[in-house]
């Protein structure tokens, strides 16, 4: 059985199934679910959005893996298979919007990266204009800052957003929580993990 720490008003070490039931029955923005992946790495995910059907979790930090943009999809698939079984069963497919080479496309994803327009407002969305609105959670720059691993140093990380008019540049978030862009071949960037689970 896998265990998790649920942070609401108090910290509680309980099994993941019980933690998920508690969160899905009475979710609050900022609730955190902390657990170990099957390879032993620790991950903490905060509730960042709640709608009528599901609850969104975003990892508070990255997992210390540097990668080019082209490796993100395989990396997310590997992380998905390292999730504890109870959590893997609870994660639902999420329709995600992307602008690729000027065309808007939608696809279903289990784990995903945040879009630049969910993290930033105004001109900082770098090609995502109209896809998403800035989430309230990310209006606080501190929530956009992520460490390279639990308890590590601040790191730059990929978003899912391609720069408008340029297929080789993608938006990333800097060490200090601001929008920037880099070539897809850059290998010094990490990635956060986002997923949704159905409300009870």
Protein backbone atom coordinates (compact mmCIF):
# COMPACT_ATOMS: atom_id res chain seq x y z
CA UNK A 1 0.00 0.00 0.00
CA UNK A 2 1.29 3.46 -0.90
CA UNK A 3 1.10 6.31 1.57
CA UNK A 4 0.66 10.03 1.03
CA UNK A 5 0.71 13.16 3.12
CA UNK A 6 -2.41 15.28 2.75
CA UNK A 7 -2.01 18.92 3.71
CA UNK A 8 -5.22 20.76 4.50
CA UNK A 9 -5.51 22.33 7.92
CA UNK A 10 -3.29 19.59 9.33
CA UNK A 11 -0.74 17.20 7.86
CA UNK A 12 -1.94 13.61 7.80
CA UNK A 13 -0.08 10.50 6.68
CA UNK A 14 -2.73 8.23 5.16
CA UNK A 15 -3.02 5.85 2.24
CA UNK A 16 -3.39 7.50 -1.15
CA UNK A 17 -6.89 6.14 -1.73
CA UNK A 18 -8.15 7.78 1.48
CA UNK A 19 -6.35 11.03 0.67
CA UNK A 20 -7.92 11.13 -2.80
CA UNK A 21 -11.40 10.47 -1.37
CA UNK A 22 -10.95 13.31 1.10
CA UNK A 23 -9.76 15.75 -1.54
CA UNK A 24 -12.42 14.80 -4.12
CA UNK A 25 -15.25 15.09 -1.61
CA UNK A 26 -14.22 18.55 -0.34
CA UNK A 27 -11.48 20.12 -2.50
CA UNK A 28 -9.81 23.46 -1.85
CA UNK A 29 -7.30 25.36 -3.94
CA UNK A 30 -3.89 24.84 -2.35
CA UNK A 31 -4.62 21.39 -0.86
CA UNK A 32 -1.47 19.35 -1.37
CA UNK A 33 -0.93 15.65 -1.92
CA UNK A 34 2.64 14.47 -1.28
CA UNK A 35 3.75 10.94 -2.16
CA UNK A 36 6.66 8.88 -3.50
CA UNK A 37 6.91 7.69 -7.07
CA UNK A 38 7.73 4.02 -7.59
CA UNK A 39 11.40 4.94 -8.16
CA UNK A 40 11.53 6.53 -4.68
CA UNK A 41 11.45 10.19 -5.74
CA UNK A 42 9.21 12.43 -3.65
CA UNK A 43 6.59 14.60 -5.34
CA UNK A 44 4.12 17.10 -3.96
CA UNK A 45 1.15 18.24 -6.05
CA UNK A 46 -1.13 21.16 -5.17
CA UNK A 47 -4.75 21.61 -6.16
CA UNK A 48 -4.61 24.52 -8.61
CA UNK A 49 -8.08 24.47 -10.17
CA UNK A 50 -11.51 22.96 -9.52
CA UNK A 51 -14.37 22.77 -12.01
CA UNK A 52 -17.70 20.93 -12.07
CA UNK A 53 -16.13 17.64 -13.19
CA UNK A 54 -12.55 17.44 -11.97
CA UNK A 55 -9.77 18.71 -9.74
CA UNK A 56 -6.46 19.78 -11.24
CA UNK A 57 -3.13 19.09 -9.53
CA UNK A 58 0.19 20.70 -10.51
CA UNK A 59 3.51 19.56 -9.06
CA UNK A 60 4.92 22.10 -6.64
CA UNK A 61 8.46 21.35 -7.90
CA UNK A 62 10.06 19.62 -10.88
CA UNK A 63 11.63 16.17 -10.57
CA UNK A 64 15.24 17.05 -11.39
CA UNK A 65 15.18 15.73 -14.96
CA UNK A 66 16.64 18.05 -17.62
CA UNK A 67 15.31 17.50 -21.15
CA UNK A 68 14.83 18.92 -24.61
CA UNK A 69 11.28 19.84 -25.56
CA UNK A 70 11.06 16.82 -27.86
CA UNK A 71 11.60 14.45 -24.91
CA UNK A 72 8.79 15.87 -22.73
CA UNK A 73 6.04 13.56 -24.00
CA UNK A 74 8.06 10.38 -23.39
CA UNK A 75 9.13 11.72 -19.99
CA UNK A 76 5.49 12.36 -18.96
CA UNK A 77 4.57 8.83 -20.05
CA UNK A 78 7.41 7.41 -17.92
CA UNK A 79 6.31 9.48 -14.89
CA UNK A 80 2.73 8.28 -15.41
CA UNK A 81 3.95 4.68 -15.03
CA UNK A 82 5.85 5.61 -11.85
CA UNK A 83 2.73 6.93 -10.11
CA UNK A 84 1.27 4.78 -7.32
CA UNK A 85 -1.51 2.51 -8.64
CA UNK A 86 -4.28 4.24 -6.66
CA UNK A 87 -3.38 7.57 -8.20
CA UNK A 88 -2.89 6.19 -11.72
CA UNK A 89 -6.42 4.77 -11.59
CA UNK A 90 -7.84 8.12 -10.47
CA UNK A 91 -6.18 10.26 -13.19
CA UNK A 92 -8.50 11.08 -16.08
CA UNK A 93 -7.76 12.07 -19.66
CA UNK A 94 -7.87 15.83 -20.08
CA UNK A 95 -8.52 17.70 -23.31
CA UNK A 96 -5.62 20.10 -23.80
CA UNK A 97 -5.44 22.89 -26.38
CA UNK A 98 -2.24 23.74 -28.24
CA UNK A 99 -1.23 26.12 -31.00
CA UNK A 100 1.19 24.29 -33.30
CA UNK A 101 2.61 26.15 -36.27
CA UNK A 102 -0.27 28.64 -36.09
CA UNK A 103 -3.05 26.00 -35.94
CA UNK A 104 -5.13 25.30 -32.85
CA UNK A 105 -5.37 21.60 -32.00
CA UNK A 106 -6.87 19.64 -29.11
CA UNK A 107 -5.73 16.29 -27.78
CA UNK A 108 -6.39 14.08 -24.76
CA UNK A 109 -3.54 13.81 -22.27
CA UNK A 110 -3.21 12.06 -18.90
CA UNK A 111 -0.23 14.03 -17.61
CA UNK A 112 0.52 17.41 -19.15
CA UNK A 113 2.51 20.61 -18.85
CA UNK A 114 0.85 23.93 -18.02
CA UNK A 115 0.30 26.30 -20.96
CA UNK A 116 1.99 29.69 -20.87
CA UNK A 117 -1.41 31.42 -20.93
CA UNK A 118 -2.42 29.53 -17.74
CA UNK A 119 0.70 30.82 -15.99
CA UNK A 120 0.87 34.39 -17.32
CA UNK A 121 -1.41 37.17 -18.54
CA UNK A 122 -1.17 39.75 -21.31
CA UNK A 123 1.63 39.71 -23.87
CA UNK A 124 3.66 37.15 -21.89
CA UNK A 125 1.71 34.20 -23.34
CA UNK A 126 4.12 33.96 -26.31
CA UNK A 127 1.79 32.41 -28.88
CA UNK A 128 -1.02 31.04 -26.70
CA UNK A 129 -3.29 34.06 -27.01
CA UNK A 130 -6.89 32.88 -26.66
CA UNK A 131 -6.14 29.30 -25.58
CA UNK A 132 -6.45 29.70 -21.82
CA UNK A 133 -6.79 32.40 -19.18
CA UNK A 134 -4.29 32.88 -16.38
CA UNK A 135 -5.21 30.66 -13.44
CA UNK A 136 -5.69 32.44 -10.11
CA UNK A 137 -3.12 30.10 -8.53
CA UNK A 138 -0.39 31.38 -10.85
CA UNK A 139 -1.10 35.08 -10.36
CA UNK A 140 1.25 34.69 -7.39
CA UNK A 141 4.74 34.56 -8.93
CA UNK A 142 5.95 32.31 -6.09
CA UNK A 143 3.66 29.56 -7.41
CA UNK A 144 5.28 29.86 -10.85
CA UNK A 145 8.73 29.31 -9.31
CA UNK A 146 9.69 25.65 -9.05
CA UNK A 147 12.68 23.83 -7.63
CA UNK A 148 14.67 21.29 -9.63
CA UNK A 149 13.61 18.67 -7.08
CA UNK A 150 11.95 18.59 -3.66
CA UNK A 151 14.05 20.91 -1.48
CA UNK A 152 16.40 21.79 -4.35
CA UNK A 153 17.35 24.98 -6.20
CA UNK A 154 15.09 27.14 -8.33
CA UNK A 155 15.00 25.94 -11.95
CA UNK A 156 13.74 26.96 -15.37
CA UNK A 157 11.08 24.68 -16.84
CA UNK A 158 9.15 24.03 -20.04
CA UNK A 159 5.53 24.94 -20.68
CA UNK A 160 3.45 23.33 -23.44
CA UNK A 161 3.45 26.55 -25.49
CA UNK A 162 5.09 27.11 -28.85
CA UNK A 163 6.19 30.64 -29.65
CA UNK A 164 3.90 32.30 -32.20
CA UNK A 165 5.26 31.96 -35.71
CA UNK A 166 8.32 29.93 -34.71
CA UNK A 167 8.18 26.13 -34.56
CA UNK A 168 11.62 25.77 -32.95
CA UNK A 169 11.01 28.07 -29.92
CA UNK A 170 8.93 27.17 -26.89
CA UNK A 171 7.96 29.16 -23.83
CA UNK A 172 9.59 28.36 -20.53
CA UNK A 173 9.41 29.80 -17.03
CA UNK A 174 12.64 31.28 -15.69
CA UNK A 175 14.26 30.57 -12.34
CA UNK A 176 12.50 33.65 -10.94
CA UNK A 177 9.03 32.85 -12.29
CA UNK A 178 8.89 34.98 -15.45
CA UNK A 179 8.08 34.03 -19.07
CA UNK A 180 10.87 33.49 -21.56
CA UNK A 181 11.53 31.33 -24.60
CA UNK A 182 14.18 28.93 -25.78
CA UNK A 183 14.98 26.57 -28.63
CA UNK A 184 13.28 23.19 -28.36
CA UNK A 185 16.74 21.61 -28.43
CA UNK A 186 17.76 23.25 -25.14
CA UNK A 187 18.56 20.57 -22.56
CA UNK A 188 18.85 22.60 -19.36
CA UNK A 189 15.10 22.81 -18.76
CA UNK A 190 13.00 20.67 -16.44
CA UNK A 191 9.23 20.12 -16.53
CA UNK A 192 6.40 20.14 -13.98
CA UNK A 193 3.67 17.48 -13.86
CA UNK A 194 -0.03 18.33 -14.12
CA UNK A 195 -3.04 15.98 -14.02
CA UNK A 196 -6.73 15.92 -13.19
CA UNK A 197 -8.86 13.53 -11.15
CA UNK A 198 -12.64 13.27 -11.25
CA UNK A 199 -14.65 14.85 -8.45
CA UNK A 200 -16.72 12.48 -6.35
